[in-house]
Amino acid sequence: MTLGPLMVDLAGPDLLAEERELLAHPLIGSVILFARNYEDPAQLTRLVTAIHAVRSPPLIVAVDHEGGRVQRFRAGFSALPPLRRIGHEYDRDARAGLELARRLGWLMAAELRAHGVDHSFAPVVDLDRGMSSVIGDRAFHARAGVVAALAVAYMHGMRDAGMAATAKHFPGHGGVAADSHVALPVDRRALVDLEDDLTPFRRMIANGLASVMVAHLLFPEVDEVPASLSPRWIRGVLRSDLGFQGVVCADDLSMAGARAGGDIVECATRALAAGCDVLPVCNDRAAVLKLLDALHAPPDPVSQLRIVRLRGHGGPGREQLLGSAAWRDCQETLRRCAATPALQLEAGPA
């Protein structure tokens, strides 16, 4: 059975019988976990193993695990600082900042891989323009060149741990104040004015980026529909202009910013037509069931091959990881991060 485009969530810490049946549907290809799906490391390993056992090839298991405010698994996992802390380190010492980015990318991914999780939606590469509260300290820095350098180092750390990176939120969420979870943000800049926002994506693509998450953002000077539903943005700018060949994942289609695309079936249909490979639908089981009943998504072998490449590979189990010198070194790094006073990021253009 092939992996379909839908990414769905689960109700709790155990895989229910009706969820096992749901995950067998050919339109589903991946599962996203939340804090409600986590109790402790052993339970997480059991849950991921149960999800992987539902089908062959196994479904992709993903999570948002950036650090700071956005870290779904807490007790039993390292407390990761927000990405802005890495930017602070870069301002103090550029080489140390790059090393910190790579180490924390490795640590985040290695701990997830030790429990079987395939993929984390990280890193955020939006610019910290001081406008977006939903991004805020999730961003590395204000300057495009610094964000690009740190994001590439972070991606290489994830790759060292056996996990592909996802750059988000294309084409850049840092220039709007509205939160796409509750509204459709509108950015009135022209495409030529977005070069700084696109720079981290461009640099990561040149370094083998595997996945991009496209935001529900409207750029009326570029297209009349949100980027997540826009062939102009996805097939044009991302695929053609930037040369991206990896997985394109829409942001959660249950978010208010996606409603410009119509009801859930119309929205998903438009996202697929625009070039998205993965369509997350979170915290709305009724919408998932409606899609399974009504979404027409002919198999796309190229898209399916891209999705399979998000599967995690290698890595030690939990006990071996926690006994390793690399993990212990990262714990000392985290202690230093917590002890160092916060610095102000440099402002100004890249």
Protein backbone atom coordinates (compact mmCIF):
# COMPACT_ATOMS: atom_id res chain seq x y z
CA MET A 1 0.00 0.00 0.00
CA THR A 2 1.29 3.47 -0.88
CA LEU A 3 1.40 6.46 1.45
CA GLY A 4 -1.42 8.93 0.84
CA PRO A 5 -1.30 12.72 1.26
CA LEU A 6 -3.30 13.10 4.50
CA MET A 7 -1.57 13.56 7.85
CA VAL A 8 -3.90 12.97 10.81
CA ASP A 9 -3.77 13.10 14.59
CA LEU A 10 -4.78 10.71 17.38
CA ALA A 11 -7.00 11.16 20.42
CA GLY A 12 -4.67 10.10 23.22
CA PRO A 13 -1.62 8.13 24.36
CA ASP A 14 -2.80 4.76 23.01
CA LEU A 15 -3.78 3.74 19.49
CA LEU A 16 -7.50 2.97 19.63
CA ALA A 17 -9.06 0.18 17.56
CA GLU A 18 -11.07 2.66 15.48
CA GLU A 19 -7.91 4.71 14.88
CA ARG A 20 -6.06 1.62 13.70
CA GLU A 21 -8.84 1.11 11.16
CA LEU A 22 -8.69 4.79 10.18
CA LEU A 23 -4.94 4.69 9.60
CA ALA A 24 -5.33 1.78 7.19
CA HIS A 25 -7.11 4.05 4.69
CA PRO A 26 -4.99 4.58 1.54
CA LEU A 27 -5.47 8.37 1.59
CA ILE A 28 -3.55 8.57 4.88
CA GLY A 29 0.24 8.54 4.79
CA SER A 30 1.36 10.06 8.07
CA VAL A 31 0.44 10.77 11.69
CA ILE A 32 1.24 13.86 13.76
CA LEU A 33 1.59 13.58 17.54
CA PHE A 34 0.74 16.21 20.16
CA ALA A 35 1.32 16.59 23.91
CA ARG A 36 -1.89 14.63 24.59
CA ASN A 37 -0.26 11.61 22.91
CA TYR A 38 2.66 11.59 25.35
CA GLU A 39 2.96 10.24 28.88
CA ASP A 40 6.53 8.99 29.18
CA PRO A 41 9.32 7.67 26.94
CA ALA A 42 8.29 4.00 27.14
CA GLN A 43 4.68 4.82 26.26
CA LEU A 44 5.83 6.93 23.29
CA THR A 45 7.92 4.08 21.93
CA ARG A 46 4.95 1.71 22.22
CA LEU A 47 2.65 4.17 20.46
CA VAL A 48 5.04 4.83 17.58
CA THR A 49 5.68 1.09 17.19
CA ALA A 50 1.92 0.46 17.04
CA ILE A 51 1.45 3.17 14.38
CA HIS A 52 4.30 1.79 12.28
CA ALA A 53 2.79 -1.71 12.51
CA VAL A 54 -0.55 -0.68 10.97
CA ARG A 55 0.67 -0.72 7.37
CA SER A 56 3.49 -1.57 5.03
CA PRO A 57 5.28 0.59 4.14
CA PRO A 58 4.89 2.11 7.61
CA LEU A 59 3.19 5.45 8.06
CA ILE A 60 5.42 8.44 8.76
CA VAL A 61 5.20 9.60 12.39
CA ALA A 62 5.81 13.34 12.86
CA VAL A 63 5.71 15.96 15.61
CA ASP A 64 6.27 19.68 16.14
CA HIS A 65 9.31 19.62 18.43
CA GLU A 66 11.23 22.87 17.96
CA GLY A 67 12.10 23.72 21.56
CA GLY A 68 10.95 26.64 23.65
CA ARG A 69 7.18 27.13 23.44
CA VAL A 70 6.78 24.41 20.82
CA GLN A 71 7.98 21.13 22.29
CA ARG A 72 5.33 18.42 22.53
CA PHE A 73 7.26 15.92 24.68
CA ARG A 74 8.62 17.28 27.96
CA ALA A 75 9.25 14.90 30.89
CA GLY A 76 11.98 12.46 29.87
CA PHE A 77 13.20 14.70 27.02
CA SER A 78 15.80 17.46 27.09
CA ALA A 79 14.29 20.92 27.62
CA LEU A 80 15.34 22.61 24.39
CA PRO A 81 15.71 26.40 24.30
CA PRO A 82 13.87 28.43 21.65
CA LEU A 83 15.78 28.99 18.42
CA ARG A 84 16.29 32.64 19.32
CA ARG A 85 18.78 31.46 21.97
CA ILE A 86 20.96 30.16 19.13
CA GLY A 87 20.77 33.56 17.48
CA HIS A 88 21.93 35.17 20.73
CA GLU A 89 24.94 32.86 20.75
CA TYR A 90 25.72 33.75 17.14
CA ASP A 91 25.74 37.46 18.02
CA ARG A 92 28.24 36.75 20.78
CA ASP A 93 30.43 34.40 18.70
CA ALA A 94 29.44 33.34 15.17
CA ARG A 95 31.38 30.07 15.24
CA ALA A 96 29.90 29.13 18.61
CA GLY A 97 26.41 29.95 17.31
CA LEU A 98 26.82 27.65 14.33
CA GLU A 99 28.11 24.86 16.57
CA LEU A 100 25.18 25.34 18.96
CA ALA A 101 22.72 25.14 16.07
CA ARG A 102 24.19 21.88 14.85
CA ARG A 103 24.31 20.37 18.35
CA LEU A 104 20.73 21.27 19.21
CA GLY A 105 19.48 20.06 15.82
CA TRP A 106 21.21 16.75 16.50
CA LEU A 107 19.92 16.50 20.07
CA MET A 108 16.32 17.23 19.13
CA ALA A 109 16.34 14.69 16.31
CA ALA A 110 18.38 12.02 18.14
CA GLU A 111 16.00 11.96 21.12
CA LEU A 112 12.98 11.60 18.84
CA ARG A 113 14.66 8.91 16.73
CA ALA A 114 15.48 6.98 19.92
CA HIS A 115 11.71 6.49 20.31
CA GLY A 116 11.03 5.74 16.65
CA VAL A 117 9.62 9.15 15.64
CA ASP A 118 10.46 9.76 12.00
CA HIS A 119 10.18 13.49 11.58
CA SER A 120 10.02 16.84 13.36
CA PHE A 121 8.69 19.98 11.67
CA ALA A 122 11.80 22.07 12.31
CA PRO A 123 13.46 24.49 12.01
CA VAL A 124 11.49 27.72 11.79
CA VAL A 125 13.31 29.97 9.29
CA ASP A 126 11.01 33.00 9.44
CA LEU A 127 12.82 36.28 10.07
CA ASP A 128 12.30 37.87 13.48
CA ARG A 129 10.98 41.24 12.30
CA GLY A 130 9.36 41.94 15.68
CA MET A 131 5.88 41.81 14.14
CA SER A 132 4.62 38.25 14.66
CA SER A 133 3.83 37.09 18.19
CA VAL A 134 3.11 33.56 16.96
CA ILE A 135 6.70 33.38 15.64
CA GLY A 136 8.58 35.54 18.17
CA ASP A 137 11.41 33.61 19.81
CA ARG A 138 10.81 30.64 17.54
CA ALA A 139 12.91 32.53 14.95
CA PHE A 140 16.70 32.34 14.93
CA HIS A 141 17.37 35.98 14.13
CA ALA A 142 16.29 39.15 12.32
CA ARG A 143 18.95 38.99 9.62
CA ALA A 144 18.38 36.72 6.64
CA GLY A 145 22.01 35.69 6.24
CA VAL A 146 22.27 34.67 9.88
CA VAL A 147 19.01 32.72 9.78
CA ALA A 148 20.21 30.91 6.64
CA ALA A 149 23.56 29.95 8.17
CA LEU A 150 22.05 28.75 11.46
CA ALA A 151 19.24 26.87 9.72
CA VAL A 152 21.71 24.98 7.51
CA ALA A 153 23.80 24.05 10.57
CA TYR A 154 20.66 22.92 12.43
CA MET A 155 19.57 20.87 9.40
CA HIS A 156 22.97 19.16 9.26
CA GLY A 157 22.65 18.28 12.94
CA MET A 158 19.26 16.71 12.32
CA ARG A 159 20.68 14.81 9.36
CA ASP A 160 23.51 13.47 11.53
CA ALA A 161 20.83 11.98 13.80
CA GLY A 162 18.94 10.34 10.92
CA MET A 163 16.14 12.87 10.47
CA ALA A 164 15.17 15.13 7.57
CA ALA A 165 14.53 18.83 8.25
CA THR A 166 11.47 20.89 7.35
CA ALA A 167 11.94 24.60 6.73
CA LYS A 168 8.90 26.62 7.75
CA HIS A 169 6.87 28.73 7.11
CA PHE A 170 7.33 29.34 3.37
CA PRO A 171 7.48 31.98 1.98
CA GLY A 172 8.00 33.70 5.36
CA HIS A 173 5.69 34.45 8.30
CA GLY A 174 7.82 37.16 9.88
CA GLY A 175 6.33 40.11 7.98
CA VAL A 176 2.76 39.89 9.33
CA ALA A 177 1.23 40.39 12.77
CA ALA A 178 -1.82 38.14 12.36
CA ASP A 179 -1.71 34.49 13.44
CA SER A 180 -2.77 32.09 10.66
CA HIS A 181 -4.24 29.76 13.30
CA VAL A 182 -7.06 32.27 13.81
CA ALA A 183 -7.02 34.54 10.73
CA LEU A 184 -5.64 34.83 7.21
CA PRO A 185 -2.57 37.09 7.44
CA VAL A 186 -2.07 39.45 4.49
CA ASP A 187 1.41 40.58 3.44
CA ARG A 188 1.21 43.35 0.82
CA ARG A 189 4.83 43.24 -0.29
CA ALA A 190 5.71 42.41 -3.88
CA LEU A 191 7.76 39.32 -4.71
CA VAL A 192 10.87 41.40 -5.32
CA ASP A 193 10.62 42.68 -1.74
CA LEU A 194 10.59 39.17 -0.25
CA GLU A 195 14.14 38.20 -1.17
CA ASP A 196 15.34 38.34 2.45
CA ASP A 197 12.48 36.07 3.57
CA LEU A 198 13.31 33.59 0.81
CA THR A 199 17.06 33.57 1.49
CA PRO A 200 17.00 30.86 4.22
CA PHE A 201 14.89 28.59 2.00
CA ARG A 202 17.21 29.19 -0.95
CA ARG A 203 20.31 28.37 1.11
CA MET A 204 18.79 25.25 2.68
CA ILE A 205 17.61 23.97 -0.69
CA ALA A 206 21.15 24.35 -2.01
CA ASN A 207 22.23 22.14 0.92
CA GLY A 208 19.76 19.33 0.27
CA LEU A 209 16.64 20.38 2.18
CA ALA A 210 14.12 17.52 2.26
CA SER A 211 10.88 19.30 3.19
CA VAL A 212 9.17 22.70 3.24
CA MET A 213 6.00 23.69 5.10
CA VAL A 214 3.92 26.26 3.22
CA ALA A 215 1.99 28.79 5.27
CA HIS A 216 -1.57 30.06 5.00
CA LEU A 217 -0.41 33.57 4.09
CA LEU A 218 -1.90 35.81 1.41
CA PHE A 219 0.42 37.90 -0.75
CA PRO A 220 -2.03 39.75 -3.01
CA GLU A 221 0.79 41.24 -5.10
CA VAL A 222 1.86 37.68 -6.01
CA ASP A 223 -1.36 35.63 -6.08
CA GLU A 224 -4.99 35.97 -5.07
CA VAL A 225 -5.00 32.80 -2.93
CA PRO A 226 -2.92 31.85 0.15
CA ALA A 227 0.54 30.42 -0.54
CA SER A 228 -0.55 26.97 0.67
CA LEU A 229 -3.16 26.82 -2.13
CA SER A 230 -1.15 28.66 -4.78
CA PRO A 231 0.41 27.04 -7.87
CA ARG A 232 2.21 30.35 -8.37
CA TRP A 233 3.99 30.01 -5.04
CA ILE A 234 4.51 26.23 -4.94
CA ARG A 235 5.01 25.15 -8.56
CA GLY A 236 6.35 28.53 -9.61
CA VAL A 237 8.52 30.15 -6.94
CA LEU A 238 9.37 27.12 -4.79
CA ARG A 239 9.75 24.37 -7.37
CA SER A 240 10.79 26.31 -10.49
CA ASP A 241 12.56 29.43 -9.25
CA LEU A 242 14.22 27.94 -6.14
CA GLY A 243 14.66 24.46 -7.60
CA PHE A 244 13.15 22.61 -4.63
CA GLN A 245 12.59 18.88 -5.25
CA GLY A 246 11.56 17.65 -1.80
CA VAL A 247 8.29 17.29 0.09
CA VAL A 248 5.88 20.23 0.17
CA CYS A 249 3.70 20.11 3.27
CA ALA A 250 0.81 22.50 3.81
CA ASP A 251 0.33 23.95 7.25
CA ASP A 252 -2.63 22.45 9.13
CA LEU A 253 -5.71 22.70 6.89
CA SER A 254 -7.90 23.07 9.99
CA MET A 255 -6.40 26.50 10.66
CA ALA A 256 -8.48 29.59 10.00
CA GLY A 257 -5.97 30.84 7.44
CA ALA A 258 -6.85 27.92 5.16
CA ARG A 259 -10.57 28.68 5.04
CA ALA A 260 -10.10 30.97 2.04
CA GLY A 261 -9.91 27.73 0.09
CA GLY A 262 -13.50 26.74 0.89
CA ASP A 263 -14.66 23.74 2.90
CA ILE A 264 -12.16 21.07 3.90
CA VAL A 265 -12.59 18.98 0.73
CA GLU A 266 -12.24 21.97 -1.58
CA CYS A 267 -9.29 23.26 0.42
CA ALA A 268 -7.47 19.91 0.27
CA THR A 269 -8.22 19.55 -3.43
CA ARG A 270 -6.79 23.00 -4.15
CA ALA A 271 -3.71 22.34 -2.02
CA LEU A 272 -2.99 19.12 -3.92
CA ALA A 273 -3.53 20.85 -7.26
CA ALA A 274 -1.16 23.63 -6.19
CA GLY A 275 1.60 21.07 -5.57
CA CYS A 276 1.39 20.05 -1.90
CA ASP A 277 2.42 16.47 -1.09
CA VAL A 278 1.30 16.30 2.56
CA LEU A 279 -1.93 17.74 3.97
CA PRO A 280 -2.13 17.83 7.78
CA VAL A 281 -5.65 17.94 9.23
CA CYS A 282 -5.43 18.29 13.01
CA ASN A 283 -7.92 18.35 15.88
CA ASP A 284 -10.91 17.84 13.58
CA ARG A 285 -11.81 14.16 13.18
CA ALA A 286 -15.06 15.04 11.38
CA ALA A 287 -13.03 16.84 8.69
CA VAL A 288 -10.75 13.83 8.32
CA LEU A 289 -13.72 11.50 7.86
CA LYS A 290 -15.22 13.87 5.29
CA LEU A 291 -11.97 13.86 3.34
CA LEU A 292 -11.71 10.09 3.42
CA ASP A 293 -15.20 9.93 1.98
CA ALA A 294 -14.99 12.70 -0.64
CA LEU A 295 -11.38 13.62 -1.54
CA HIS A 296 -10.32 12.47 -4.97
CA ALA A 297 -6.54 12.11 -4.96
CA PRO A 298 -5.20 9.82 -7.71
CA PRO A 299 -1.92 8.13 -6.73
CA ASP A 300 1.11 10.25 -7.57
CA PRO A 301 4.22 8.01 -7.62
CA VAL A 302 6.63 10.98 -7.56
CA SER A 303 4.90 12.54 -4.56
CA GLN A 304 4.80 9.19 -2.76
CA LEU A 305 8.52 8.70 -3.32
CA ARG A 306 9.19 12.12 -1.80
CA ILE A 307 7.05 11.30 1.25
CA VAL A 308 8.86 8.00 1.87
CA ARG A 309 12.12 9.92 2.08
CA LEU A 310 10.85 11.60 5.26
CA ARG A 311 11.19 8.30 7.10
CA GLY A 312 13.78 8.46 9.85
CA HIS A 313 16.74 6.14 9.68
CA GLY A 314 19.25 4.75 12.14
CA GLY A 315 20.04 6.04 15.58
CA PRO A 316 20.53 4.32 18.94
CA GLY A 317 17.77 3.36 21.33
CA ARG A 318 17.01 5.53 24.34
CA GLU A 319 19.34 3.85 26.84
CA GLN A 320 22.25 3.80 24.42
CA LEU A 321 21.67 7.43 23.48
CA LEU A 322 21.53 8.63 27.08
CA GLY A 323 24.77 6.76 27.79
CA SER A 324 26.62 8.32 24.88
CA ALA A 325 29.31 10.99 25.16
CA ALA A 326 27.55 13.05 22.48
CA TRP A 327 24.31 13.23 24.49
CA ARG A 328 26.16 14.07 27.72
CA ASP A 329 28.05 16.83 25.92
CA CYS A 330 24.73 18.27 24.74
CA GLN A 331 23.42 18.30 28.33
CA GLU A 332 26.38 20.43 29.32
CA THR A 333 25.63 22.68 26.36
CA LEU A 334 22.04 23.08 27.57
CA ARG A 335 23.26 24.00 31.05
CA ARG A 336 25.47 26.68 29.57
CA CYS A 337 22.56 27.97 27.48
CA ALA A 338 20.40 28.30 30.58
CA ALA A 339 23.14 30.05 32.55
CA THR A 340 24.11 32.63 29.92
CA PRO A 341 22.22 35.95 30.12
CA ALA A 342 20.01 36.65 27.11
CA LEU A 343 21.40 39.06 24.55
CA GLN A 344 19.56 41.35 22.19
CA LEU A 345 19.63 40.25 18.56
CA GLU A 346 21.16 42.62 16.07
CA ALA A 347 18.64 44.54 14.04
CA GLY A 348 18.97 45.63 10.44
CA PRO A 349 18.97 44.14 6.98
CA ALA A 350 20.78 40.97 5.98
